[in-house]
């Protein structure tokens, strides 16, 4: 019985048919207006995507910061890395140590 009443409202004549049409039209207009409005549904999805990208970038930066902190800790705590940096970057040597430096200049041509 309720199925017949629902079918009569949806497909039958009378006052219910224009009411249903205008209700659907109103819902479509409201949805489209909320989708394309500056603070609408689409902007919420855009903000969600931007937030996800920013969170991924933040995780990468946190991992990079942690790696740098670990490097700083190892330089402060261990003398091996400090000596390695002094030798490689600053070209330093220990006292009474002989250091050989090679240049990549071409050798002079010898005439036989």
Protein backbone atom coordinates (compact mmCIF):
# COMPACT_ATOMS: atom_id res chain seq x y z
CA UNK A 1 0.00 0.00 0.00
CA UNK A 2 2.80 2.40 0.85
CA UNK A 3 4.53 1.48 -2.42
CA UNK A 4 1.47 2.51 -4.37
CA UNK A 5 1.29 5.81 -2.52
CA UNK A 6 4.97 6.51 -3.17
CA UNK A 7 4.60 5.67 -6.86
CA UNK A 8 1.52 7.87 -7.11
CA UNK A 9 3.43 10.79 -5.55
CA UNK A 10 6.47 10.32 -7.79
CA UNK A 11 4.81 9.48 -11.09
CA UNK A 12 1.21 10.42 -10.58
CA UNK A 13 -0.33 13.77 -11.26
CA UNK A 14 -1.59 16.27 -8.76
CA UNK A 15 0.20 18.74 -6.54
CA UNK A 16 3.00 16.37 -5.50
CA UNK A 17 4.69 16.32 -8.90
CA UNK A 18 5.55 20.06 -9.14
CA UNK A 19 6.58 20.02 -5.48
CA UNK A 20 9.00 17.18 -6.15
CA UNK A 21 10.35 18.91 -9.27
CA UNK A 22 10.98 22.21 -7.48
CA UNK A 23 12.51 20.42 -4.48
CA UNK A 24 14.98 18.60 -6.72
CA UNK A 25 15.72 21.80 -8.64
CA UNK A 26 16.33 23.63 -5.35
CA UNK A 27 18.71 20.90 -4.15
CA UNK A 28 20.65 21.00 -7.42
CA UNK A 29 20.97 24.78 -7.27
CA UNK A 30 22.11 24.68 -3.63
CA UNK A 31 24.66 21.97 -4.40
CA UNK A 32 26.07 23.83 -7.40
CA UNK A 33 26.20 27.09 -5.47
CA UNK A 34 28.01 25.43 -2.57
CA UNK A 35 30.43 23.69 -4.96
CA UNK A 36 31.54 26.76 -6.90
CA UNK A 37 31.36 29.30 -4.08
CA UNK A 38 34.72 30.56 -2.73
CA UNK A 39 34.15 28.92 0.67
CA UNK A 40 32.24 25.98 -0.78
CA UNK A 41 32.68 22.24 -0.85
CA UNK A 42 35.34 22.33 -3.59
CA UNK A 43 37.56 24.59 -1.52
CA UNK A 44 37.32 22.13 1.37
CA UNK A 45 38.61 19.35 -0.89
CA UNK A 46 41.37 21.64 -2.17
CA UNK A 47 42.41 22.49 1.40
CA UNK A 48 42.45 18.80 2.29
CA UNK A 49 44.78 18.03 -0.64
CA UNK A 50 47.03 20.98 0.25
CA UNK A 51 47.10 19.89 3.89
CA UNK A 52 48.10 16.33 2.91
CA UNK A 53 50.92 17.65 0.71
CA UNK A 54 52.11 19.98 3.49
CA UNK A 55 52.06 17.16 6.03
CA UNK A 56 54.20 14.99 3.71
CA UNK A 57 56.66 17.86 3.27
CA UNK A 58 56.74 18.35 7.03
CA UNK A 59 57.55 14.68 7.59
CA UNK A 60 60.45 14.92 5.12
CA UNK A 61 61.78 18.02 6.85
CA UNK A 62 61.50 16.37 10.26
CA UNK A 63 63.46 13.36 9.01
CA UNK A 64 66.12 15.65 7.53
CA UNK A 65 66.33 17.62 10.80
CA UNK A 66 66.72 14.43 12.80
CA UNK A 67 69.53 13.27 10.51
CA UNK A 68 71.30 16.61 10.95
CA UNK A 69 70.84 16.45 14.73
CA UNK A 70 72.36 12.96 14.74
CA UNK A 71 75.30 14.22 12.70
CA UNK A 72 75.83 17.10 15.15
CA UNK A 73 75.63 14.70 18.11
CA UNK A 74 78.19 12.37 16.54
CA UNK A 75 80.57 15.25 15.81
CA UNK A 76 80.28 16.58 19.36
CA UNK A 77 80.59 13.20 21.06
CA UNK A 78 83.10 11.38 18.89
CA UNK A 79 86.59 12.49 18.06
CA UNK A 80 86.74 10.31 14.93
CA UNK A 81 84.27 12.40 12.93
CA UNK A 82 85.78 15.62 14.17
CA UNK A 83 89.21 14.50 12.99
CA UNK A 84 87.75 13.30 9.67
CA UNK A 85 86.15 16.67 9.00
CA UNK A 86 89.32 18.50 10.01
CA UNK A 87 91.41 16.41 7.63
CA UNK A 88 89.03 16.40 4.65
CA UNK A 89 87.38 19.79 4.79
CA UNK A 90 90.03 21.95 6.46
CA UNK A 91 93.07 20.08 5.08
CA UNK A 92 94.61 19.84 8.54
CA UNK A 93 97.20 17.28 9.73
CA UNK A 94 98.54 16.07 13.07
CA UNK A 95 101.80 17.34 14.47
CA UNK A 96 104.87 15.66 12.90
CA UNK A 97 102.69 14.08 10.23
CA UNK A 98 103.71 14.16 6.59
CA UNK A 99 100.97 14.93 4.09
CA UNK A 100 101.34 14.38 0.37
CA UNK A 101 99.19 16.46 -1.97
CA UNK A 102 98.88 15.55 -5.60
CA UNK A 103 97.76 17.93 -8.29
CA UNK A 104 96.07 16.96 -11.49
CA UNK A 105 98.29 19.10 -13.71
CA UNK A 106 99.54 17.34 -16.83
CA UNK A 107 103.16 16.26 -16.82
CA UNK A 108 105.53 18.23 -19.10
CA UNK A 109 106.31 16.57 -22.41
CA UNK A 110 109.77 15.04 -22.58
CA UNK A 111 111.70 15.20 -25.81
CA UNK A 112 113.89 12.10 -26.54
